Amino acid sequence: MVQPFVDMATEPAFLIETVIKGLMTGVLYSLVALGFVLIFKASGVFNFAQGVMALFAALTLTGLMEMMEGTGLPKAAIVILAILATIVVMILLAIVIERFVLRPLVNQELIILFMATLGLSYVLEGVGDLLWGSDVKVLDIGLPTDIWDINGVFIEQLDVTAAIAAGSLVAVLALFFTKTRIGRALRAVADDHQAALSVGISLQQIWVIVWSVAGIVALVAGIMWGSKSGVQFSLSLIALKALPVLILGGFTSIPGAIVGGLIIGLGEKIVEVFWYSVHGGAVENWFAFMLALAFLMFRPQGLFGDKIIERV
């Protein structure tokens, strides 16, 4: 019988470290998944461009910081100004997307809107390459990068920062969707475009708002991933890992995006580290998709998704 690579019972400190590392990685997955949830709640469309939006936001931030380095401003001022300017860019991007991509496709089939976001992802990737180049860039905005040693358990401060950022975003977005008039309008638009228009809800305004918020979420995700592994074009591939996260948590659930990310991040780290000799490695390439497949078979709406019942 094949034995595990590491015995969890005899390595408690290593187990705790692996669990923490998995949960923190899951938080980073969840940050990207949050953007998907926002767009899906407002339009019912899976936005394939969300991962590229995180890349584009991170590229824009690093490019603006490089442009400001010769101004003589303090590093903190450069970081703040660059982040604010990037937020403006993401809002302008949302306006452009609404005007030239979404507005002409109102009331079209959802597959058409999905294909539009697929094309948008390639456009954004190409524009980012033209504007800022394709070299790997170092993103340093002053986030803590030290490692804590707590009784033999090593924890990266950057992972903790990402967890705090994700938790804060979830809390703010949950309040936004449940307690504000715009949040209720977003849900109405997702349910029925024509009905929302008939009661005076501006579809164009709602889409600009939700794409702007998704752009800001993408910026936060891009900062965390870029600070951790550099800003590179492979960053856009995290969109593929966000899809299983959404299947687990539910496409319309903000808390579900977080829970789904934590489950996948924790699961793939535990299996990768402690059962290496069983599967031969490379678990991170397939674990999330196998878990998502199991959920599609037994609970297709996800842990927090709404079960759709149609009467005929």
Foldseek 3Di string as FASTA:
>chain_A
DDAWPDDCVVCVLVLVLLLLQLLLQLLLLLLLLLLQQLVCLQAVARQLQSLLLLLLLLLQLLVQLVVCPPVPDDLLVSNVVSLVVSLVVQLVVLLVCLVPPVVVQPPHDNVSSRVSSVVVNVVSLVVSCVPRNADWAADCSPQQQDWDQDPNRTDGSLSVVSNVVSVVVLVVVVCVLPPDPLNVLSNVNSVPVVVSVVVPHDSSVSSSVSSSVSSSSSNSSSNSVCNVPTSHPCSSVSSVLSVLQCQAQASNDSVSSSVSSSCLSSVQSCCQRTHCVPPVHPSNVPVSVVVSVVCCVPPRRHDHGDDDDDDD
